[in-house]
Amino acid sequence: MRRNRIVDLSSGNVTTIKAEDGALGHHDMGHGYAVGADTFNSLENATILLKFPVASTKRPIGPVVHYNKRWDFVAANHVAHGNAAALAPESQYACGSNASRVADMADEIICFPLDAYRNADGSLDVLVVGQVMTDLDAPGGQDLDGDDYEQLPKGDLDVTGRYFIWTTNLGGDRLDAFLVKIPAERLMGR
């Protein structure tokens, strides 16, 4: 069972969050917070913002900043926040990517603001910045066991947040790296 152990190095206090209470799965760190998967959330494949120190170890532990419209794919499976700055998380954004076997869904690189209360109507914003172009049945990027996980696009944002880099097999036997420019003004402008 997944658990997050959060250790405050200045005080030695240890906080533990259980999976069913909101422990983060795939996640990335910011300055005093983390953003990542809450796989037990009632919203489809939710990504939440968890601020430190943790206010509670029981649900809800942080606001939802992204979720899917369906349960059968995870659009932001690998959350990337390499652009984290020493600013309020609500003034920043993260990105994510995935490849799936769901035939009627596009496998994309998406970015989303970390401000769960950005829109007065409670809706959340998401920006599609590119296609991952990964074929999970192609040989490029496979490990010896043929596990899909090895081929999933696990990209990252550069420190400026302007570029996202990931690897993909383009449906062939190679593994190539791609870079896309993020139109950050579309994520943060209002």
N, C-alpha and C. Protein backbone atom coordinates (compact mmCIF):
# COMPACT_ATOMS: atom_id res chain seq x y z
N MET A 1 0.84 -1.17 0.00
CA MET A 1 0.00 0.00 0.00
C MET A 1 0.89 1.25 0.00
N ARG A 2 0.51 2.21 -0.82
CA ARG A 2 1.28 3.45 -0.93
C ARG A 2 1.03 4.34 0.28
N ARG A 3 2.11 4.93 0.78
CA ARG A 3 2.04 5.92 1.86
C ARG A 3 3.07 7.00 1.56
N ASN A 4 2.72 8.21 1.89
CA ASN A 4 3.68 9.31 1.81
C ASN A 4 4.14 9.63 3.23
N ARG A 5 5.46 9.67 3.39
CA ARG A 5 6.05 10.12 4.66
C ARG A 5 6.66 11.48 4.41
N ILE A 6 6.20 12.46 5.13
CA ILE A 6 6.68 13.82 4.97
C ILE A 6 7.46 14.16 6.23
N VAL A 7 8.73 14.44 6.07
CA VAL A 7 9.61 14.72 7.20
C VAL A 7 9.98 16.20 7.17
N ASP A 8 9.65 16.89 8.26
CA ASP A 8 10.05 18.28 8.43
C ASP A 8 11.46 18.26 9.02
N LEU A 9 12.45 18.59 8.21
CA LEU A 9 13.84 18.49 8.65
C LEU A 9 14.19 19.48 9.76
N SER A 10 13.46 20.58 9.86
CA SER A 10 13.77 21.56 10.90
C SER A 10 13.26 21.13 12.27
N SER A 11 12.14 20.40 12.31
CA SER A 11 11.57 19.99 13.60
C SER A 11 11.68 18.49 13.86
N GLY A 12 11.88 17.71 12.81
CA GLY A 12 11.92 16.26 12.96
C GLY A 12 10.55 15.62 12.93
N ASN A 13 9.49 16.43 12.81
CA ASN A 13 8.13 15.88 12.75
C ASN A 13 7.93 15.07 11.48
N VAL A 14 7.25 13.93 11.63
CA VAL A 14 6.96 13.05 10.51
C VAL A 14 5.44 12.95 10.36
N THR A 15 4.96 13.21 9.17
CA THR A 15 3.54 13.09 8.86
C THR A 15 3.39 11.98 7.83
N THR A 16 2.43 11.09 8.05
CA THR A 16 2.18 9.99 7.12
C THR A 16 0.78 10.12 6.55
N ILE A 17 0.67 10.01 5.24
CA ILE A 17 -0.62 10.04 4.56
C ILE A 17 -0.81 8.70 3.87
N LYS A 18 -1.93 8.05 4.12
CA LYS A 18 -2.24 6.77 3.48
C LYS A 18 -2.84 7.02 2.09
N ALA A 19 -2.72 6.04 1.22
CA ALA A 19 -3.21 6.15 -0.16
C ALA A 19 -4.67 6.56 -0.21
N GLU A 20 -5.51 5.93 0.59
CA GLU A 20 -6.95 6.22 0.55
C GLU A 20 -7.29 7.61 1.08
N ASP A 21 -6.35 8.22 1.80
CA ASP A 21 -6.57 9.57 2.33
C ASP A 21 -5.97 10.66 1.45
N GLY A 22 -5.30 10.27 0.36
CA GLY A 22 -4.77 11.27 -0.57
C GLY A 22 -3.27 11.23 -0.77
N ALA A 23 -2.60 10.16 -0.34
CA ALA A 23 -1.16 10.06 -0.59
C ALA A 23 -0.91 10.18 -2.09
N LEU A 24 0.10 10.94 -2.45
CA LEU A 24 0.38 11.18 -3.86
C LEU A 24 1.06 9.99 -4.51
N GLY A 25 0.62 9.68 -5.73
CA GLY A 25 1.30 8.71 -6.56
C GLY A 25 2.38 9.47 -7.33
N HIS A 26 2.41 9.32 -8.66
CA HIS A 26 3.37 10.09 -9.46
C HIS A 26 3.20 11.56 -9.10
N HIS A 27 4.30 12.22 -8.74
CA HIS A 27 4.22 13.63 -8.36
C HIS A 27 5.54 14.33 -8.61
N ASP A 28 5.51 15.64 -8.47
CA ASP A 28 6.71 16.46 -8.56
C ASP A 28 6.63 17.50 -7.45
N MET A 29 7.78 17.98 -7.05
CA MET A 29 7.86 18.90 -5.91
C MET A 29 7.99 20.34 -6.35
N GLY A 30 7.46 21.21 -5.52
CA GLY A 30 7.65 22.64 -5.67
C GLY A 30 8.36 23.16 -4.43
N HIS A 31 8.27 24.45 -4.19
CA HIS A 31 8.88 25.07 -3.01
C HIS A 31 7.83 25.10 -1.91
N GLY A 32 7.84 24.09 -1.05
CA GLY A 32 6.86 24.01 0.04
C GLY A 32 5.56 23.33 -0.34
N TYR A 33 5.56 22.59 -1.42
CA TYR A 33 4.35 21.88 -1.87
C TYR A 33 4.73 20.78 -2.85
N ALA A 34 3.76 19.94 -3.15
CA ALA A 34 3.90 18.91 -4.17
C ALA A 34 2.63 18.90 -5.00
N VAL A 35 2.73 18.46 -6.23
CA VAL A 35 1.57 18.30 -7.10
C VAL A 35 1.64 16.89 -7.68
N GLY A 36 0.53 16.15 -7.57
CA GLY A 36 0.58 14.78 -8.05
C GLY A 36 -0.74 14.05 -8.00
N ALA A 37 -0.66 12.79 -8.38
CA ALA A 37 -1.84 11.93 -8.53
C ALA A 37 -2.44 11.55 -7.19
N ASP A 38 -3.74 11.69 -7.08
CA ASP A 38 -4.52 11.23 -5.93
C ASP A 38 -5.44 10.14 -6.47
N THR A 39 -4.97 8.91 -6.45
CA THR A 39 -5.68 7.82 -7.13
C THR A 39 -6.95 7.36 -6.42
N PHE A 40 -7.18 7.83 -5.21
CA PHE A 40 -8.41 7.48 -4.50
C PHE A 40 -9.42 8.63 -4.49
N ASN A 41 -9.14 9.69 -5.21
CA ASN A 41 -10.04 10.83 -5.28
C ASN A 41 -11.33 10.42 -5.98
N SER A 42 -12.43 11.09 -5.65
CA SER A 42 -13.72 10.77 -6.30
C SER A 42 -13.78 11.29 -7.74
N LEU A 43 -12.91 12.23 -8.09
CA LEU A 43 -12.85 12.72 -9.47
C LEU A 43 -11.90 11.85 -10.29
N GLU A 44 -12.18 11.69 -11.54
CA GLU A 44 -11.45 10.80 -12.44
C GLU A 44 -9.97 11.15 -12.55
N ASN A 45 -9.10 10.25 -12.05
CA ASN A 45 -7.64 10.40 -12.15
C ASN A 45 -7.18 11.80 -11.77
N ALA A 46 -7.58 12.23 -10.59
CA ALA A 46 -7.32 13.59 -10.12
C ALA A 46 -5.85 13.84 -9.81
N THR A 47 -5.44 15.09 -10.05
CA THR A 47 -4.14 15.60 -9.64
C THR A 47 -4.43 16.68 -8.61
N ILE A 48 -3.74 16.61 -7.46
CA ILE A 48 -4.00 17.58 -6.40
C ILE A 48 -2.75 18.38 -6.05
N LEU A 49 -2.97 19.48 -5.37
CA LEU A 49 -1.91 20.33 -4.84
C LEU A 49 -1.84 20.08 -3.34
N LEU A 50 -0.70 19.65 -2.85
CA LEU A 50 -0.51 19.36 -1.44
C LEU A 50 0.53 20.33 -0.88
N LYS A 51 0.09 21.21 0.02
CA LYS A 51 0.99 22.21 0.61
C LYS A 51 1.56 21.68 1.93
N PHE A 52 2.80 22.12 2.22
CA PHE A 52 3.46 21.75 3.47
C PHE A 52 3.54 22.97 4.38
N PRO A 53 3.40 22.83 5.70
CA PRO A 53 3.10 21.57 6.36
C PRO A 53 1.67 21.14 6.05
N VAL A 54 1.46 19.85 6.06
CA VAL A 54 0.16 19.28 5.75
C VAL A 54 -0.83 19.66 6.85
N ALA A 55 -1.98 20.22 6.46
CA ALA A 55 -2.98 20.65 7.44
C ALA A 55 -3.74 19.47 8.03
N SER A 56 -3.91 18.41 7.24
CA SER A 56 -4.65 17.24 7.70
C SER A 56 -4.17 16.01 6.95
N THR A 57 -4.23 14.87 7.59
CA THR A 57 -3.88 13.61 6.91
C THR A 57 -5.12 12.87 6.47
N LYS A 58 -6.27 13.51 6.56
CA LYS A 58 -7.54 12.93 6.11
C LYS A 58 -8.10 13.78 4.98
N ARG A 59 -8.77 13.15 4.09
CA ARG A 59 -9.35 13.78 2.92
C ARG A 59 -10.31 14.90 3.27
N PRO A 60 -10.31 16.03 2.57
CA PRO A 60 -9.41 16.37 1.46
C PRO A 60 -8.12 16.98 1.99
N ILE A 61 -7.01 16.57 1.42
CA ILE A 61 -5.71 17.09 1.87
C ILE A 61 -5.20 18.20 0.97
N GLY A 62 -5.81 18.37 -0.17
CA GLY A 62 -5.41 19.44 -1.08
C GLY A 62 -6.43 19.58 -2.20
N PRO A 63 -6.50 20.75 -2.80
CA PRO A 63 -7.48 20.96 -3.87
C PRO A 63 -7.07 20.23 -5.16
N VAL A 64 -8.08 19.85 -5.92
CA VAL A 64 -7.87 19.22 -7.24
C VAL A 64 -7.52 20.31 -8.24
N VAL A 65 -6.41 20.13 -8.96
CA VAL A 65 -5.99 21.10 -9.98
C VAL A 65 -6.16 20.56 -11.40
N HIS A 66 -6.39 19.25 -11.52
CA HIS A 66 -6.66 18.64 -12.82
C HIS A 66 -7.33 17.30 -12.59
N TYR A 67 -8.25 16.94 -13.50
CA TYR A 67 -8.81 15.59 -13.52
C TYR A 67 -9.27 15.28 -14.93
N ASN A 68 -9.47 14.01 -15.20
CA ASN A 68 -9.90 13.58 -16.53
C ASN A 68 -11.42 13.58 -16.64
N LYS A 69 -11.90 13.40 -17.84
CA LYS A 69 -13.35 13.26 -18.01
C LYS A 69 -13.79 11.81 -17.94
N ARG A 70 -12.84 10.89 -17.86
CA ARG A 70 -13.15 9.45 -17.76
C ARG A 70 -12.11 8.77 -16.87
N TRP A 71 -12.45 7.58 -16.39
CA TRP A 71 -11.54 6.81 -15.53
C TRP A 71 -10.55 5.96 -16.31
N ASP A 72 -10.80 5.65 -17.57
CA ASP A 72 -10.01 4.63 -18.27
C ASP A 72 -8.72 5.13 -18.91
N PHE A 73 -8.33 6.35 -18.66
CA PHE A 73 -7.03 6.85 -19.08
C PHE A 73 -6.59 7.93 -18.11
N VAL A 74 -5.28 8.16 -18.03
CA VAL A 74 -4.73 9.16 -17.10
C VAL A 74 -3.95 10.18 -17.93
N ALA A 75 -4.56 11.31 -18.21
CA ALA A 75 -3.92 12.30 -19.08
C ALA A 75 -2.62 12.84 -18.48
N ALA A 76 -2.59 13.06 -17.17
CA ALA A 76 -1.40 13.62 -16.53
C ALA A 76 -0.70 12.56 -15.68
N ASN A 77 -0.49 11.38 -16.25
CA ASN A 77 0.09 10.27 -15.50
C ASN A 77 1.44 10.61 -14.90
N HIS A 78 2.27 11.27 -15.63
CA HIS A 78 3.59 11.68 -15.13
C HIS A 78 3.62 13.21 -15.04
N VAL A 79 3.40 13.71 -13.83
CA VAL A 79 3.35 15.14 -13.60
C VAL A 79 4.76 15.72 -13.61
N ALA A 80 4.92 16.84 -14.29
CA ALA A 80 6.21 17.52 -14.40
C ALA A 80 6.06 18.96 -13.93
N HIS A 81 6.94 19.34 -12.99
CA HIS A 81 6.91 20.71 -12.45
C HIS A 81 8.34 21.20 -12.22
N GLY A 82 9.20 20.94 -13.21
CA GLY A 82 10.59 21.39 -13.15
C GLY A 82 10.72 22.89 -13.18
N ASN A 83 9.65 23.59 -13.47
CA ASN A 83 9.61 25.05 -13.52
C ASN A 83 9.24 25.66 -12.17
N ALA A 84 9.18 24.86 -11.12
CA ALA A 84 8.79 25.36 -9.80
C ALA A 84 9.68 26.52 -9.39
N ALA A 85 9.04 27.56 -8.88
CA ALA A 85 9.77 28.75 -8.41
C ALA A 85 9.34 29.05 -6.99
N ALA A 86 10.10 29.85 -6.29
CA ALA A 86 9.79 30.21 -4.91
C ALA A 86 8.69 31.27 -4.90
N LEU A 87 7.55 30.91 -5.45
CA LEU A 87 6.36 31.74 -5.53
C LEU A 87 5.18 30.93 -5.03
N ALA A 88 4.05 31.57 -4.82
CA ALA A 88 2.84 30.83 -4.46
C ALA A 88 2.55 29.81 -5.55
N PRO A 89 2.23 28.57 -5.19
CA PRO A 89 1.95 27.57 -6.22
C PRO A 89 0.79 27.98 -7.12
N GLU A 90 -0.16 28.73 -6.59
CA GLU A 90 -1.33 29.15 -7.37
C GLU A 90 -0.97 30.07 -8.53
N SER A 91 0.24 30.59 -8.54
CA SER A 91 0.68 31.46 -9.64
C SER A 91 1.54 30.69 -10.65
N GLN A 92 1.52 29.35 -10.55
CA GLN A 92 2.37 28.51 -11.40
C GLN A 92 1.53 27.44 -12.11
N TYR A 93 2.20 26.63 -12.91
CA TYR A 93 1.52 25.54 -13.61
C TYR A 93 2.42 24.31 -13.67
N ALA A 94 1.81 23.20 -13.98
CA ALA A 94 2.52 21.93 -14.16
C ALA A 94 2.03 21.31 -15.47
N CYS A 95 2.73 20.30 -15.92
CA CYS A 95 2.34 19.59 -17.14
C CYS A 95 2.34 18.09 -16.85
N GLY A 96 1.79 17.34 -17.75
CA GLY A 96 1.77 15.89 -17.63
C GLY A 96 1.64 15.24 -18.98
N SER A 97 1.91 13.94 -19.01
CA SER A 97 1.84 13.20 -20.27
C SER A 97 1.53 11.74 -19.99
N ASN A 98 1.09 11.06 -21.02
CA ASN A 98 0.82 9.63 -20.92
C ASN A 98 0.59 9.07 -22.31
N ALA A 99 0.71 7.77 -22.42
CA ALA A 99 0.29 7.01 -23.60
C ALA A 99 -0.61 5.91 -23.07
N SER A 100 -1.62 5.56 -23.82
CA SER A 100 -2.57 4.57 -23.33
C SER A 100 -3.00 3.63 -24.45
N ARG A 101 -3.77 2.65 -24.07
CA ARG A 101 -4.35 1.72 -25.04
C ARG A 101 -5.84 2.02 -25.26
N VAL A 102 -6.30 3.19 -24.84
CA VAL A 102 -7.68 3.60 -25.03
C VAL A 102 -7.81 4.17 -26.43
N ALA A 103 -8.51 3.46 -27.29
CA ALA A 103 -8.53 3.77 -28.73
C ALA A 103 -9.13 5.14 -29.06
N ASP A 104 -10.13 5.58 -28.34
CA ASP A 104 -10.80 6.82 -28.73
C ASP A 104 -10.30 8.06 -27.99
N MET A 105 -9.13 7.95 -27.36
CA MET A 105 -8.57 9.10 -26.67
C MET A 105 -7.21 9.46 -27.25
N ALA A 106 -6.95 10.75 -27.37
CA ALA A 106 -5.64 11.20 -27.84
C ALA A 106 -4.66 11.17 -26.67
N ASP A 107 -3.47 10.73 -26.93
CA ASP A 107 -2.41 10.74 -25.92
C ASP A 107 -1.63 12.02 -26.10
N GLU A 108 -1.73 12.91 -25.10
CA GLU A 108 -1.24 14.27 -25.27
C GLU A 108 -0.35 14.72 -24.13
N ILE A 109 0.35 15.80 -24.38
CA ILE A 109 1.05 16.54 -23.34
C ILE A 109 0.10 17.67 -22.96
N ILE A 110 -0.23 17.71 -21.68
CA ILE A 110 -1.16 18.74 -21.20
C ILE A 110 -0.49 19.56 -20.11
N CYS A 111 -0.93 20.80 -19.97
CA CYS A 111 -0.47 21.67 -18.89
C CYS A 111 -1.69 22.27 -18.22
N PHE A 112 -1.55 22.57 -16.93
CA PHE A 112 -2.69 23.09 -16.17
C PHE A 112 -2.19 23.98 -15.04
N PRO A 113 -2.93 25.08 -14.75
CA PRO A 113 -2.57 25.97 -13.65
C PRO A 113 -2.74 25.23 -12.31
N LEU A 114 -1.96 25.64 -11.32
CA LEU A 114 -2.07 25.04 -9.98
C LEU A 114 -3.04 25.81 -9.09
N ASP A 115 -3.80 26.71 -9.66
CA ASP A 115 -4.82 27.47 -8.92
C ASP A 115 -6.17 26.80 -9.13
N ALA A 116 -6.59 26.02 -8.15
CA ALA A 116 -7.86 25.29 -8.25
C ALA A 116 -9.06 26.23 -8.24
N TYR A 117 -8.88 27.47 -7.81
CA TYR A 117 -9.99 28.42 -7.69
C TYR A 117 -9.87 29.55 -8.70
N ARG A 118 -9.18 29.30 -9.77
CA ARG A 118 -8.91 30.29 -10.82
C ARG A 118 -10.19 30.78 -11.50
N ASN A 119 -11.12 29.89 -11.73
CA ASN A 119 -12.36 30.22 -12.43
C ASN A 119 -13.53 30.30 -11.46
N ALA A 120 -14.30 31.36 -11.54
CA ALA A 120 -15.42 31.58 -10.62
C ALA A 120 -16.45 30.46 -10.67
N ASP A 121 -16.58 29.81 -11.82
CA ASP A 121 -17.58 28.73 -11.95
C ASP A 121 -17.06 27.38 -11.45
N GLY A 122 -15.82 27.34 -10.94
CA GLY A 122 -15.26 26.10 -10.41
C GLY A 122 -14.63 25.20 -11.45
N SER A 123 -14.69 25.59 -12.72
CA SER A 123 -14.08 24.77 -13.76
C SER A 123 -12.57 24.88 -13.71
N LEU A 124 -11.88 23.89 -14.26
CA LEU A 124 -10.43 23.88 -14.30
C LEU A 124 -9.96 24.03 -15.74
N ASP A 125 -8.82 24.68 -15.92
CA ASP A 125 -8.25 24.89 -17.25
C ASP A 125 -7.24 23.81 -17.57
N VAL A 126 -7.17 23.44 -18.84
CA VAL A 126 -6.13 22.53 -19.32
C VAL A 126 -5.76 22.99 -20.73
N LEU A 127 -4.47 22.92 -21.02
CA LEU A 127 -3.96 23.31 -22.33
C LEU A 127 -3.24 22.13 -22.94
N VAL A 128 -3.68 21.69 -24.11
CA VAL A 128 -2.98 20.63 -24.84
C VAL A 128 -1.86 21.28 -25.63
N VAL A 129 -0.62 20.81 -25.41
CA VAL A 129 0.52 21.42 -26.09
C VAL A 129 1.16 20.51 -27.14
N GLY A 130 0.74 19.26 -27.21
CA GLY A 130 1.29 18.38 -28.24
C GLY A 130 0.83 16.94 -28.07
N GLN A 131 1.08 16.16 -29.08
CA GLN A 131 0.79 14.72 -29.06
C GLN A 131 2.06 13.98 -28.64
N VAL A 132 1.92 12.91 -27.87
CA VAL A 132 3.12 12.17 -27.45
C VAL A 132 3.67 11.28 -28.55
N MET A 133 2.83 10.84 -29.47
CA MET A 133 3.23 10.05 -30.65
C MET A 133 3.86 8.71 -30.28
N THR A 134 3.39 8.09 -29.20
CA THR A 134 3.92 6.82 -28.74
C THR A 134 2.98 5.68 -29.10
N ASP A 135 3.53 4.62 -29.66
CA ASP A 135 2.78 3.39 -29.94
C ASP A 135 3.27 2.33 -28.96
N LEU A 136 2.41 1.91 -28.05
CA LEU A 136 2.82 0.95 -27.02
C LEU A 136 3.10 -0.43 -27.58
N ASP A 137 2.72 -0.70 -28.84
CA ASP A 137 3.00 -1.99 -29.46
C ASP A 137 4.26 -1.97 -30.32
N ALA A 138 4.84 -0.80 -30.52
CA ALA A 138 6.07 -0.69 -31.31
C ALA A 138 7.27 -1.06 -30.43
N PRO A 139 8.35 -1.54 -31.05
CA PRO A 139 9.50 -2.00 -30.25
C PRO A 139 10.35 -0.88 -29.62
N GLY A 140 10.31 0.31 -30.14
CA GLY A 140 11.16 1.38 -29.61
C GLY A 140 10.86 1.72 -28.17
N GLY A 141 11.88 1.65 -27.31
CA GLY A 141 11.74 2.00 -25.92
C GLY A 141 11.30 0.88 -25.00
N GLN A 142 11.02 -0.30 -25.55
CA GLN A 142 10.58 -1.42 -24.71
C GLN A 142 11.73 -2.00 -23.92
N ASP A 143 11.41 -2.47 -22.71
CA ASP A 143 12.40 -3.22 -21.96
C ASP A 143 12.27 -4.69 -22.36
N LEU A 144 13.10 -5.54 -21.80
CA LEU A 144 13.09 -6.96 -22.17
C LEU A 144 11.80 -7.66 -21.81
N ASP A 145 11.07 -7.14 -20.81
CA ASP A 145 9.80 -7.75 -20.41
C ASP A 145 8.63 -7.26 -21.26
N GLY A 146 8.85 -6.24 -22.10
CA GLY A 146 7.78 -5.70 -22.92
C GLY A 146 6.74 -4.92 -22.12
N ASP A 147 7.13 -4.41 -20.97
CA ASP A 147 6.23 -3.67 -20.09
C ASP A 147 5.90 -2.30 -20.70
N ASP A 148 4.62 -1.95 -20.75
CA ASP A 148 4.20 -0.64 -21.28
C ASP A 148 4.86 0.52 -20.55
N TYR A 149 5.10 0.37 -19.26
CA TYR A 149 5.60 1.47 -18.45
C TYR A 149 6.90 2.05 -19.01
N GLU A 150 7.75 1.21 -19.52
CA GLU A 150 9.03 1.69 -20.06
C GLU A 150 8.84 2.63 -21.25
N GLN A 151 7.76 2.46 -22.00
CA GLN A 151 7.53 3.28 -23.19
C GLN A 151 6.74 4.55 -22.92
N LEU A 152 6.15 4.67 -21.75
CA LEU A 152 5.34 5.84 -21.47
C LEU A 152 6.19 7.10 -21.53
N PRO A 153 5.66 8.17 -22.10
CA PRO A 153 6.40 9.43 -22.20
C PRO A 153 6.49 10.09 -20.83
N LYS A 154 7.68 10.08 -20.27
CA LYS A 154 7.91 10.69 -18.96
C LYS A 154 8.73 11.97 -19.17
N GLY A 155 8.05 12.98 -19.62
CA GLY A 155 8.74 14.22 -19.94
C GLY A 155 8.92 15.13 -18.76
N ASP A 156 9.56 16.25 -19.02
CA ASP A 156 9.78 17.23 -17.96
C ASP A 156 9.81 18.64 -18.54
N LEU A 157 9.47 19.59 -17.69
CA LEU A 157 9.58 21.01 -18.03
C LEU A 157 10.99 21.49 -17.69
N ASP A 158 11.50 22.42 -18.49
CA ASP A 158 12.78 23.03 -18.13
C ASP A 158 12.53 24.02 -17.00
N VAL A 159 13.59 24.56 -16.42
CA VAL A 159 13.45 25.44 -15.26
C VAL A 159 12.67 26.71 -15.55
N THR A 160 12.62 27.13 -16.81
CA THR A 160 11.87 28.34 -17.15
C THR A 160 10.39 28.05 -17.37
N GLY A 161 10.04 26.78 -17.55
CA GLY A 161 8.65 26.42 -17.85
C GLY A 161 8.26 26.69 -19.29
N ARG A 162 9.20 27.04 -20.12
CA ARG A 162 8.90 27.37 -21.51
C ARG A 162 8.99 26.17 -22.45
N TYR A 163 9.67 25.10 -22.01
CA TYR A 163 9.87 23.95 -22.89
C TYR A 163 9.61 22.64 -22.15
N PHE A 164 8.98 21.72 -22.86
CA PHE A 164 8.71 20.38 -22.34
C PHE A 164 9.45 19.40 -23.24
N ILE A 165 10.22 18.50 -22.64
CA ILE A 165 10.97 17.51 -23.41
C ILE A 165 10.50 16.12 -22.99
N TRP A 166 10.35 15.22 -23.97
CA TRP A 166 9.93 13.85 -23.70
C TRP A 166 10.50 12.93 -24.76
N THR A 167 10.41 11.63 -24.51
CA THR A 167 10.87 10.65 -25.49
C THR A 167 9.68 9.85 -26.00
N THR A 168 9.79 9.40 -27.24
CA THR A 168 8.74 8.61 -27.86
C THR A 168 9.34 7.72 -28.94
N ASN A 169 8.62 6.67 -29.30
CA ASN A 169 9.12 5.75 -30.33
C ASN A 169 8.55 6.05 -31.72
N LEU A 170 7.63 6.98 -31.83
CA LEU A 170 7.03 7.33 -33.12
C LEU A 170 6.51 6.11 -33.88
N GLY A 171 6.15 5.06 -33.13
CA GLY A 171 5.61 3.86 -33.75
C GLY A 171 6.67 2.97 -34.38
N GLY A 172 7.93 3.20 -34.09
CA GLY A 172 9.01 2.42 -34.69
C GLY A 172 9.91 1.76 -33.65
N ASP A 173 11.14 1.46 -34.08
CA ASP A 173 12.06 0.75 -33.20
C ASP A 173 13.08 1.65 -32.51
N ARG A 174 12.99 2.96 -32.72
CA ARG A 174 13.91 3.90 -32.08
C ARG A 174 13.21 4.61 -30.93
N LEU A 175 13.99 5.30 -30.16
CA LEU A 175 13.45 6.17 -29.11
C LEU A 175 14.06 7.54 -29.33
N ASP A 176 13.23 8.51 -29.70
CA ASP A 176 13.69 9.85 -30.01
C ASP A 176 13.18 10.84 -28.97
N ALA A 177 13.92 11.92 -28.77
CA ALA A 177 13.53 12.98 -27.84
C ALA A 177 12.93 14.14 -28.63
N PHE A 178 11.88 14.74 -28.08
CA PHE A 178 11.22 15.88 -28.70
C PHE A 178 11.09 17.01 -27.69
N LEU A 179 10.99 18.21 -28.22
CA LEU A 179 10.88 19.41 -27.41
C LEU A 179 9.74 20.25 -27.97
N VAL A 180 8.88 20.74 -27.09
CA VAL A 180 7.79 21.61 -27.52
C VAL A 180 7.83 22.87 -26.67
N LYS A 181 7.54 24.01 -27.29
CA LYS A 181 7.50 25.27 -26.56
C LYS A 181 6.11 25.43 -25.94
N ILE A 182 6.09 25.76 -24.67
CA ILE A 182 4.84 25.93 -23.93
C ILE A 182 4.40 27.39 -24.02
N PRO A 183 3.19 27.64 -24.49
CA PRO A 183 2.68 29.02 -24.50
C PRO A 183 2.20 29.40 -23.09
N ALA A 184 3.14 29.67 -22.19
CA ALA A 184 2.84 29.91 -20.78
C ALA A 184 1.83 31.03 -20.57
N GLU A 185 1.85 32.02 -21.44
CA GLU A 185 0.91 33.14 -21.29
C GLU A 185 -0.54 32.67 -21.39
N ARG A 186 -0.80 31.57 -22.09
CA ARG A 186 -2.15 31.02 -22.20
C ARG A 186 -2.57 30.32 -20.92
N LEU A 187 -1.59 29.90 -20.12
CA LEU A 187 -1.90 29.22 -18.86
C LEU A 187 -2.06 30.21 -17.70
N MET A 188 -1.30 31.27 -17.72
CA MET A 188 -1.26 32.18 -16.58
C MET A 188 -1.99 33.50 -16.82
N GLY A 189 -2.28 33.82 -18.05
CA GLY A 189 -2.94 35.09 -18.35
C GLY A 189 -4.44 35.04 -18.04
N ARG A 190 -4.94 36.07 -17.51
CA ARG A 190 -6.39 36.21 -17.28
C ARG A 190 -6.77 37.64 -17.42
